[in-house]
Amino acid sequence: MTESFRLGAARRRKIVDLVEGRGSVAVTELSQELGVSEATIRRDLRELGETGAVTRTHGGVVNNASVFVDLPNDERMLVGAEEKRRIGRAAIELLSGDEIVFLDAGTTAQAVAENAHRRPGCRYITSCLRIASLLRDQGIRNFYLVGGAYIGVNDSFGGRLAISAIRTLSFDISFLCCSSIDLDHRSISISDEGYSQIQAEVVAASRRNMVVAHHAKFGAAGFIRTASFDSIECVITDDGADGESRRRLERAGVSLVIA
């Protein structure tokens, strides 16, 4: 196996990918495929199990519906990276070029931000420090960073200061991230209580709300519902979304863009 998988973050991302694709994987199998010792694999599985990314079993690991929820931000960026890049490009193409756009705190919204140079005339607002840096590095001149109490899980700002600021603003379009697209309750949800208040305020302040989400978010476990399908115009996802999920979403009145 390539040397890159000897690096912890890349290796754990690969483990999550393998478990998601196969449903279950043995420790010995992971050790052979990734070229590291079984002791190293067990440490990785212990860390992933503690975050809720996978469920450990005797001798291996099985898939967990909430694969993306609690991984550290840097590792979450590596999971489904190619699909997120496609989603980001598809999302930016929906802009005409002069809108006021809110970019949510999340790795898929970061993929949208990476394409902001394609629509430099838009005015971008975000509560995410990493996204603000991406906008700056692309030479985007018209962007704003909403400040407040720092939230480490998604490198963003929240709390009363951030909420007060968002309540003074209005957006043409928001690109929202989530932990789960809940087809049964017709809503999206996220895992962090503190940031859920920010997202709810953004949804209320935006004329058009669009969700950018990897296909694994369909059926994943969430914690706090932040928006019902009634307030969501569109979901932009990748071609891994299954047919039943697509049909149920469209029956709920939400349009679908497949990247």
C-alpha atoms as a PDB file:
ATOM      1  CA  MET A   1       0.000   0.000   0.000  1.00  0.00           C
ATOM      2  CA  THR A   2       1.221   3.522  -0.698  1.00  0.00           C
ATOM      3  CA  GLU A   3       3.194   5.471   1.872  1.00  0.00           C
ATOM      4  CA  SER A   4       0.379   8.016   2.276  1.00  0.00           C
ATOM      5  CA  PHE A   5      -1.709   5.489   4.159  1.00  0.00           C
ATOM      6  CA  ARG A   6       0.969   5.340   6.834  1.00  0.00           C
ATOM      7  CA  LEU A   7      -0.124   8.850   7.797  1.00  0.00           C
ATOM      8  CA  GLY A   8      -2.831   8.730  10.443  1.00  0.00           C
ATOM      9  CA  ALA A   9      -5.470  11.051   8.934  1.00  0.00           C
ATOM     10  CA  ALA A  10      -5.257   9.569   5.426  1.00  0.00           C
ATOM     11  CA  ARG A  11      -5.262   6.031   6.809  1.00  0.00           C
ATOM     12  CA  ARG A  12      -8.339   6.600   8.965  1.00  0.00           C
ATOM     13  CA  ARG A  13     -10.125   8.241   6.042  1.00  0.00           C
ATOM     14  CA  LYS A  14      -9.368   5.135   3.948  1.00  0.00           C
ATOM     15  CA  ILE A  15     -10.677   2.878   6.727  1.00  0.00           C
ATOM     16  CA  VAL A  16     -13.980   4.799   6.770  1.00  0.00           C
ATOM     17  CA  ASP A  17     -14.196   4.532   2.959  1.00  0.00           C
ATOM     18  CA  LEU A  18     -13.566   0.781   3.065  1.00  0.00           C
ATOM     19  CA  VAL A  19     -16.118   0.191   5.809  1.00  0.00           C
ATOM     20  CA  GLU A  20     -18.710   2.315   4.012  1.00  0.00           C
ATOM     21  CA  GLY A  21     -18.180   0.371   0.776  1.00  0.00           C
ATOM     22  CA  ARG A  22     -18.051  -3.144   2.226  1.00  0.00           C
ATOM     23  CA  GLY A  23     -20.234  -2.928   5.325  1.00  0.00           C
ATOM     24  CA  SER A  24     -17.626  -4.684   7.494  1.00  0.00           C
ATOM     25  CA  VAL A  25     -13.860  -5.233   7.410  1.00  0.00           C
ATOM     26  CA  ALA A  26     -11.551  -7.395   9.554  1.00  0.00           C
ATOM     27  CA  VAL A  27      -8.488  -6.034  11.340  1.00  0.00           C
ATOM     28  CA  THR A  28      -6.192  -8.450   9.483  1.00  0.00           C
ATOM     29  CA  GLU A  29      -7.693  -7.350   6.161  1.00  0.00           C
ATOM     30  CA  LEU A  30      -7.157  -3.660   6.940  1.00  0.00           C
ATOM     31  CA  SER A  31      -3.606  -4.347   8.102  1.00  0.00           C
ATOM     32  CA  GLN A  32      -2.715  -6.078   4.832  1.00  0.00           C
ATOM     33  CA  GLU A  33      -4.397  -3.518   2.576  1.00  0.00           C
ATOM     34  CA  LEU A  34      -2.971  -0.448   4.321  1.00  0.00           C
ATOM     35  CA  GLY A  35       0.487  -1.874   4.976  1.00  0.00           C
ATOM     36  CA  VAL A  36       0.590  -1.207   8.727  1.00  0.00           C
ATOM     37  CA  SER A  37       0.551  -3.414  11.794  1.00  0.00           C
ATOM     38  CA  GLU A  38      -2.620  -4.806  13.336  1.00  0.00           C
ATOM     39  CA  ALA A  39      -1.793  -2.849  16.502  1.00  0.00           C
ATOM     40  CA  THR A  40      -1.863   0.388  14.482  1.00  0.00           C
ATOM     41  CA  ILE A  41      -5.197  -0.582  12.913  1.00  0.00           C
ATOM     42  CA  ARG A  42      -6.665  -1.313  16.351  1.00  0.00           C
ATOM     43  CA  ARG A  43      -5.604   2.132  17.578  1.00  0.00           C
ATOM     44  CA  ASP A  44      -7.233   3.690  14.509  1.00  0.00           C
ATOM     45  CA  LEU A  45     -10.439   1.746  15.094  1.00  0.00           C
ATOM     46  CA  ARG A  46     -10.467   2.773  18.731  1.00  0.00           C
ATOM     47  CA  GLU A  47     -10.219   6.458  17.734  1.00  0.00           C
ATOM     48  CA  LEU A  48     -12.863   6.120  15.023  1.00  0.00           C
ATOM     49  CA  GLY A  49     -15.119   4.202  17.385  1.00  0.00           C
ATOM     50  CA  GLU A  50     -14.833   6.924  20.026  1.00  0.00           C
ATOM     51  CA  THR A  51     -15.926   9.569  17.504  1.00  0.00           C
ATOM     52  CA  GLY A  52     -18.872   7.452  16.321  1.00  0.00           C
ATOM     53  CA  ALA A  53     -17.479   7.110  12.802  1.00  0.00           C
ATOM     54  CA  VAL A  54     -17.616   3.299  12.873  1.00  0.00           C
ATOM     55  CA  THR A  55     -18.742   0.532  15.206  1.00  0.00           C
ATOM     56  CA  ARG A  56     -16.031  -1.812  16.454  1.00  0.00           C
ATOM     57  CA  THR A  57     -16.605  -5.557  16.664  1.00  0.00           C
ATOM     58  CA  HIS A  58     -14.514  -8.469  17.807  1.00  0.00           C
ATOM     59  CA  GLY A  59     -11.820  -8.728  15.156  1.00  0.00           C
ATOM     60  CA  GLY A  60     -12.980  -5.866  12.957  1.00  0.00           C
ATOM     61  CA  VAL A  61     -15.346  -3.000  12.328  1.00  0.00           C
ATOM     62  CA  VAL A  62     -18.807  -2.495  10.799  1.00  0.00           C
ATOM     63  CA  ASN A  63     -20.506   0.382   9.039  1.00  0.00           C
ATOM     64  CA  ASN A  64     -22.170   3.101  11.065  1.00  0.00           C
ATOM     65  CA  ALA A  65     -24.930   5.267   9.562  1.00  0.00           C
ATOM     66  CA  SER A  66     -23.379   8.398  11.060  1.00  0.00           C
ATOM     67  CA  VAL A  67     -20.011   8.078   9.315  1.00  0.00           C
ATOM     68  CA  PHE A  68     -19.418  11.800   8.889  1.00  0.00           C
ATOM     69  CA  VAL A  69     -20.914  13.259  12.024  1.00  0.00           C
ATOM     70  CA  ASP A  70     -18.099  13.547  14.541  1.00  0.00           C
ATOM     71  CA  LEU A  71     -14.842  13.119  12.643  1.00  0.00           C
ATOM     72  CA  PRO A  72     -12.380  15.949  13.226  1.00  0.00           C
ATOM     73  CA  ASN A  73     -12.699  18.652  10.593  1.00  0.00           C
ATOM     74  CA  ASP A  74      -9.359  17.912   8.893  1.00  0.00           C
ATOM     75  CA  GLU A  75     -10.234  14.237   8.510  1.00  0.00           C
ATOM     76  CA  ARG A  76     -13.813  14.981   7.448  1.00  0.00           C
ATOM     77  CA  MET A  77     -12.375  16.983   4.531  1.00  0.00           C
ATOM     78  CA  LEU A  78     -10.712  13.823   3.209  1.00  0.00           C
ATOM     79  CA  VAL A  79     -13.870  11.689   3.250  1.00  0.00           C
ATOM     80  CA  GLY A  80     -15.634  11.738  -0.113  1.00  0.00           C
ATOM     81  CA  ALA A  81     -13.276  14.463  -1.309  1.00  0.00           C
ATOM     82  CA  GLU A  82     -13.841  13.910  -5.038  1.00  0.00           C
ATOM     83  CA  GLU A  83     -17.629  13.859  -4.671  1.00  0.00           C
ATOM     84  CA  LYS A  84     -17.477  17.076  -2.634  1.00  0.00           C
ATOM     85  CA  ARG A  85     -15.378  18.748  -5.331  1.00  0.00           C
ATOM     86  CA  ARG A  86     -18.049  17.910  -7.901  1.00  0.00           C
ATOM     87  CA  ILE A  87     -20.787  19.179  -5.611  1.00  0.00           C
ATOM     88  CA  GLY A  88     -18.875  22.425  -5.062  1.00  0.00           C
ATOM     89  CA  ARG A  89     -18.543  23.058  -8.796  1.00  0.00           C
ATOM     90  CA  ALA A  90     -22.202  22.251  -9.430  1.00  0.00           C
ATOM     91  CA  ALA A  91     -23.319  24.577  -6.626  1.00  0.00           C
ATOM     92  CA  ILE A  92     -21.321  27.578  -7.819  1.00  0.00           C
ATOM     93  CA  GLU A  93     -22.725  27.125 -11.336  1.00  0.00           C
ATOM     94  CA  LEU A  94     -26.219  27.803  -9.952  1.00  0.00           C
ATOM     95  CA  LEU A  95     -25.242  31.392  -9.164  1.00  0.00           C
ATOM     96  CA  SER A  96     -25.767  34.125 -11.733  1.00  0.00           C
ATOM     97  CA  GLY A  97     -22.872  36.125 -10.316  1.00  0.00           C
ATOM     98  CA  ASP A  98     -24.326  39.027  -8.346  1.00  0.00           C
ATOM     99  CA  GLU A  99     -26.069  37.374  -5.382  1.00  0.00           C
ATOM    100  CA  ILE A 100     -25.510  37.732  -1.651  1.00  0.00           C
ATOM    101  CA  VAL A 101     -24.404  34.219  -0.706  1.00  0.00           C
ATOM    102  CA  PHE A 102     -24.037  32.605   2.721  1.00  0.00           C
ATOM    103  CA  LEU A 103     -21.532  29.742   2.868  1.00  0.00           C
ATOM    104  CA  ASP A 104     -22.197  27.444   5.806  1.00  0.00           C
ATOM    105  CA  ALA A 105     -19.523  25.940   8.059  1.00  0.00           C
ATOM    106  CA  GLY A 106     -18.767  22.495   6.705  1.00  0.00           C
ATOM    107  CA  THR A 107     -16.444  20.661   4.364  1.00  0.00           C
ATOM    108  CA  THR A 108     -18.895  20.565   1.454  1.00  0.00           C
ATOM    109  CA  ALA A 109     -19.455  24.322   1.720  1.00  0.00           C
ATOM    110  CA  GLN A 110     -15.670  24.629   1.638  1.00  0.00           C
ATOM    111  CA  ALA A 111     -15.782  22.847  -1.717  1.00  0.00           C
ATOM    112  CA  VAL A 112     -18.217  25.534  -2.881  1.00  0.00           C
ATOM    113  CA  ALA A 113     -15.887  28.240  -1.561  1.00  0.00           C
ATOM    114  CA  GLU A 114     -12.984  26.777  -3.521  1.00  0.00           C
ATOM    115  CA  ASN A 115     -14.905  27.688  -6.685  1.00  0.00           C
ATOM    116  CA  ALA A 116     -15.810  31.240  -5.646  1.00  0.00           C
ATOM    117  CA  HIS A 117     -13.373  32.621  -8.232  1.00  0.00           C
ATOM    118  CA  ARG A 118     -15.869  31.442 -10.875  1.00  0.00           C
ATOM    119  CA  ARG A 119     -18.391  33.934  -9.474  1.00  0.00           C
ATOM    120  CA  PRO A 120     -16.202  36.780  -8.133  1.00  0.00           C
ATOM    121  CA  GLY A 121     -19.020  39.320  -8.366  1.00  0.00           C
ATOM    122  CA  CYS A 122     -21.072  37.720  -5.612  1.00  0.00           C
ATOM    123  CA  ARG A 123     -20.977  38.996  -2.039  1.00  0.00           C
ATOM    124  CA  TYR A 124     -20.035  36.100   0.247  1.00  0.00           C
ATOM    125  CA  ILE A 125     -20.778  35.805   3.959  1.00  0.00           C
ATOM    126  CA  THR A 126     -19.609  32.962   6.187  1.00  0.00           C
ATOM    127  CA  SER A 127     -19.128  32.095   9.834  1.00  0.00           C
ATOM    128  CA  CYS A 128     -16.305  29.668   9.002  1.00  0.00           C
ATOM    129  CA  LEU A 129     -12.697  30.767   9.411  1.00  0.00           C
ATOM    130  CA  ARG A 130     -11.356  28.279   6.869  1.00  0.00           C
ATOM    131  CA  ILE A 131     -13.855  29.415   4.230  1.00  0.00           C
ATOM    132  CA  ALA A 132     -12.940  33.053   4.816  1.00  0.00           C
ATOM    133  CA  SER A 133      -9.301  32.130   4.210  1.00  0.00           C
ATOM    134  CA  LEU A 134     -10.222  30.345   0.978  1.00  0.00           C
ATOM    135  CA  LEU A 135     -12.085  33.413  -0.254  1.00  0.00           C
ATOM    136  CA  ARG A 136      -9.166  35.677   0.623  1.00  0.00           C
ATOM    137  CA  ASP A 137      -6.652  33.418  -1.096  1.00  0.00           C
ATOM    138  CA  GLN A 138      -8.691  33.498  -4.322  1.00  0.00           C
ATOM    139  CA  GLY A 139      -8.682  37.269  -4.357  1.00  0.00           C
ATOM    140  CA  ILE A 140     -12.401  37.595  -3.579  1.00  0.00           C
ATOM    141  CA  ARG A 141     -12.773  41.198  -2.454  1.00  0.00           C
ATOM    142  CA  ASN A 142     -16.374  41.275  -1.291  1.00  0.00           C
ATOM    143  CA  PHE A 143     -16.704  38.852   1.597  1.00  0.00           C
ATOM    144  CA  TYR A 144     -17.597  39.028   5.291  1.00  0.00           C
ATOM    145  CA  LEU A 145     -16.727  36.815   8.251  1.00  0.00           C
ATOM    146  CA  VAL A 146     -19.321  36.649  11.029  1.00  0.00           C
ATOM    147  CA  GLY A 147     -17.542  36.502  14.390  1.00  0.00           C
ATOM    148  CA  GLY A 148     -18.468  35.263  17.837  1.00  0.00           C
ATOM    149  CA  ALA A 149     -17.525  32.363  20.096  1.00  0.00           C
ATOM    150  CA  TYR A 150     -15.213  29.898  18.358  1.00  0.00           C
ATOM    151  CA  ILE A 151     -16.626  26.406  17.587  1.00  0.00           C
ATOM    152  CA  GLY A 152     -13.730  24.034  16.979  1.00  0.00           C
ATOM    153  CA  VAL A 153     -15.658  21.119  15.454  1.00  0.00           C
ATOM    154  CA  ASN A 154     -16.265  23.017  12.222  1.00  0.00           C
ATOM    155  CA  ASP A 155     -13.799  25.925  12.566  1.00  0.00           C
ATOM    156  CA  SER A 156     -16.631  28.435  12.836  1.00  0.00           C
ATOM    157  CA  PHE A 157     -18.087  31.116  15.090  1.00  0.00           C
ATOM    158  CA  GLY A 158     -21.370  31.023  16.991  1.00  0.00           C
ATOM    159  CA  GLY A 159     -23.018  32.247  20.149  1.00  0.00           C
ATOM    160  CA  ARG A 160     -24.982  35.416  20.866  1.00  0.00           C
ATOM    161  CA  LEU A 161     -22.666  37.747  18.958  1.00  0.00           C
ATOM    162  CA  ALA A 162     -22.893  35.696  15.772  1.00  0.00           C
ATOM    163  CA  ILE A 163     -26.659  35.279  16.079  1.00  0.00           C
ATOM    164  CA  SER A 164     -27.139  39.026  16.584  1.00  0.00           C
ATOM    165  CA  ALA A 165     -25.062  39.750  13.480  1.00  0.00           C
ATOM    166  CA  ILE A 166     -26.939  37.285  11.268  1.00  0.00           C
ATOM    167  CA  ARG A 167     -30.292  38.745  12.369  1.00  0.00           C
ATOM    168  CA  THR A 168     -29.255  42.062  10.784  1.00  0.00           C
ATOM    169  CA  LEU A 169     -28.505  40.422   7.417  1.00  0.00           C
ATOM    170  CA  SER A 170     -30.401  38.888   4.518  1.00  0.00           C
ATOM    171  CA  PHE A 171     -29.123  36.487   1.877  1.00  0.00           C
ATOM    172  CA  ASP A 172     -30.222  35.660  -1.649  1.00  0.00           C
ATOM    173  CA  ILE A 173     -28.902  32.109  -1.386  1.00  0.00           C
ATOM    174  CA  SER A 174     -27.467  29.991   1.402  1.00  0.00           C
ATOM    175  CA  PHE A 175     -25.480  26.816   0.834  1.00  0.00           C
ATOM    176  CA  LEU A 176     -26.146  24.682   3.908  1.00  0.00           C
ATOM    177  CA  CYS A 177     -24.231  21.686   5.230  1.00  0.00           C
ATOM    178  CA  CYS A 178     -25.753  19.000   7.433  1.00  0.00           C
ATOM    179  CA  SER A 179     -25.107  15.773   9.300  1.00  0.00           C
ATOM    180  CA  SER A 180     -28.300  14.155   8.043  1.00  0.00           C
ATOM    181  CA  ILE A 181     -30.971  14.488   5.377  1.00  0.00           C
ATOM    182  CA  ASP A 182     -33.895  12.901   7.202  1.00  0.00           C
ATOM    183  CA  LEU A 183     -36.403  11.692   4.629  1.00  0.00           C
ATOM    184  CA  ASP A 184     -38.815  10.397   7.272  1.00  0.00           C
ATOM    185  CA  HIS A 185     -39.089  13.723   9.109  1.00  0.00           C
ATOM    186  CA  ARG A 186     -38.538  15.794   5.958  1.00  0.00           C
ATOM    187  CA  SER A 187     -35.793  17.860   7.487  1.00  0.00           C
ATOM    188  CA  ILE A 188     -32.049  18.307   7.780  1.00  0.00           C
ATOM    189  CA  SER A 189     -30.137  18.135  11.033  1.00  0.00           C
ATOM    190  CA  ILE A 190     -26.640  18.711  12.366  1.00  0.00           C
ATOM    191  CA  SER A 191     -24.712  17.250  15.283  1.00  0.00           C
ATOM    192  CA  ASP A 192     -23.458  20.351  17.103  1.00  0.00           C
ATOM    193  CA  GLU A 193     -25.947  22.121  19.359  1.00  0.00           C
ATOM    194  CA  GLY A 194     -24.066  25.416  19.383  1.00  0.00           C
ATOM    195  CA  TYR A 195     -23.856  25.715  15.620  1.00  0.00           C
ATOM    196  CA  SER A 196     -27.456  24.562  15.103  1.00  0.00           C
ATOM    197  CA  GLN A 197     -28.649  27.971  16.321  1.00  0.00           C
ATOM    198  CA  ILE A 198     -26.526  29.697  13.665  1.00  0.00           C
ATOM    199  CA  GLN A 199     -27.864  27.522  10.880  1.00  0.00           C
ATOM    200  CA  ALA A 200     -31.464  28.064  11.941  1.00  0.00           C
ATOM    201  CA  GLU A 201     -30.936  31.834  11.825  1.00  0.00           C
ATOM    202  CA  VAL A 202     -29.350  31.578   8.374  1.00  0.00           C
ATOM    203  CA  VAL A 203     -32.294  29.562   7.064  1.00  0.00           C
ATOM    204  CA  ALA A 204     -34.700  32.255   8.283  1.00  0.00           C
ATOM    205  CA  ALA A 205     -32.579  35.038   6.747  1.00  0.00           C
ATOM    206  CA  SER A 206     -32.175  33.457   3.308  1.00  0.00           C
ATOM    207  CA  ARG A 207     -34.513  33.806   0.348  1.00  0.00           C
ATOM    208  CA  ARG A 208     -33.352  30.497  -1.136  1.00  0.00           C
ATOM    209  CA  ASN A 209     -31.831  27.663   0.909  1.00  0.00           C
ATOM    210  CA  MET A 210     -29.809  24.971  -0.846  1.00  0.00           C
ATOM    211  CA  VAL A 211     -28.256  21.947   0.844  1.00  0.00           C
ATOM    212  CA  VAL A 212     -24.858  20.691  -0.327  1.00  0.00           C
ATOM    213  CA  ALA A 213     -24.342  17.135   0.902  1.00  0.00           C
ATOM    214  CA  HIS A 214     -22.468  13.928   0.152  1.00  0.00           C
ATOM    215  CA  HIS A 215     -24.854  11.056  -0.625  1.00  0.00           C
ATOM    216  CA  ALA A 216     -24.022   9.333   2.696  1.00  0.00           C
ATOM    217  CA  LYS A 217     -26.014  12.060   4.474  1.00  0.00           C
ATOM    218  CA  PHE A 218     -29.216  10.358   3.288  1.00  0.00           C
ATOM    219  CA  GLY A 219     -30.230   8.126   6.180  1.00  0.00           C
ATOM    220  CA  ALA A 220     -27.343   9.182   8.413  1.00  0.00           C
ATOM    221  CA  ALA A 221     -27.980  10.003  12.057  1.00  0.00           C
ATOM    222  CA  GLY A 222     -28.407  13.631  13.099  1.00  0.00           C
ATOM    223  CA  PHE A 223     -29.060  15.332  16.405  1.00  0.00           C
ATOM    224  CA  ILE A 224     -30.810  18.705  16.064  1.00  0.00           C
ATOM    225  CA  ARG A 225     -33.182  19.543  13.233  1.00  0.00           C
ATOM    226  CA  THR A 226     -32.450  22.959  11.765  1.00  0.00           C
ATOM    227  CA  ALA A 227     -34.647  23.191   8.664  1.00  0.00           C
ATOM    228  CA  SER A 228     -37.689  21.425   7.273  1.00  0.00           C
ATOM    229  CA  PHE A 229     -37.989  20.555   3.590  1.00  0.00           C
ATOM    230  CA  ASP A 230     -40.577  23.341   3.315  1.00  0.00           C
ATOM    231  CA  SER A 231     -37.758  25.871   3.680  1.00  0.00           C
ATOM    232  CA  ILE A 232     -35.294  24.077   1.371  1.00  0.00           C
ATOM    233  CA  GLU A 233     -35.404  24.651  -2.371  1.00  0.00           C
ATOM    234  CA  CYS A 234     -32.736  22.260  -3.567  1.00  0.00           C
ATOM    235  CA  VAL A 235     -30.313  19.507  -2.537  1.00  0.00           C
ATOM    236  CA  ILE A 236     -27.039  19.253  -4.432  1.00  0.00           C
ATOM    237  CA  THR A 237     -25.452  15.825  -4.016  1.00  0.00           C
ATOM    238  CA  ASP A 238     -23.337  13.297  -5.908  1.00  0.00           C
ATOM    239  CA  ASP A 239     -24.352  10.370  -8.075  1.00  0.00           C
ATOM    240  CA  GLY A 240     -23.986   7.923  -5.191  1.00  0.00           C
ATOM    241  CA  ALA A 241     -27.483   8.851  -3.957  1.00  0.00           C
ATOM    242  CA  ASP A 242     -29.785   5.850  -4.403  1.00  0.00           C
ATOM    243  CA  GLY A 243     -32.927   5.999  -6.503  1.00  0.00           C
ATOM    244  CA  GLU A 244     -35.346   5.683  -3.603  1.00  0.00           C
ATOM    245  CA  SER A 245     -33.782   8.609  -1.749  1.00  0.00           C
ATOM    246  CA  ARG A 246     -33.949  10.722  -4.897  1.00  0.00           C
ATOM    247  CA  ARG A 247     -37.615   9.886  -5.464  1.00  0.00           C
ATOM    248  CA  ARG A 248     -38.623  10.561  -1.856  1.00  0.00           C
ATOM    249  CA  LEU A 249     -36.851  13.902  -1.873  1.00  0.00           C
ATOM    250  CA  GLU A 250     -38.536  15.007  -5.085  1.00  0.00           C
ATOM    251  CA  ARG A 251     -41.927  13.825  -3.826  1.00  0.00           C
ATOM    252  CA  ALA A 252     -41.363  16.105  -0.818  1.00  0.00           C
ATOM    253  CA  GLY A 253     -41.110  19.057  -3.204  1.00  0.00           C
ATOM    254  CA  VAL A 254     -37.318  19.515  -3.020  1.00  0.00           C
ATOM    255  CA  SER A 255     -35.481  19.689  -6.332  1.00  0.00           C
ATOM    256  CA  LEU A 256     -32.342  17.646  -6.793  1.00  0.00           C
ATOM    257  CA  VAL A 257     -29.059  18.421  -8.546  1.00  0.00           C
ATOM    258  CA  ILE A 258     -26.711  15.475  -9.124  1.00  0.00           C
ATOM    259  CA  ALA A 259     -23.058  16.423  -9.489  1.00  0.00           C
END
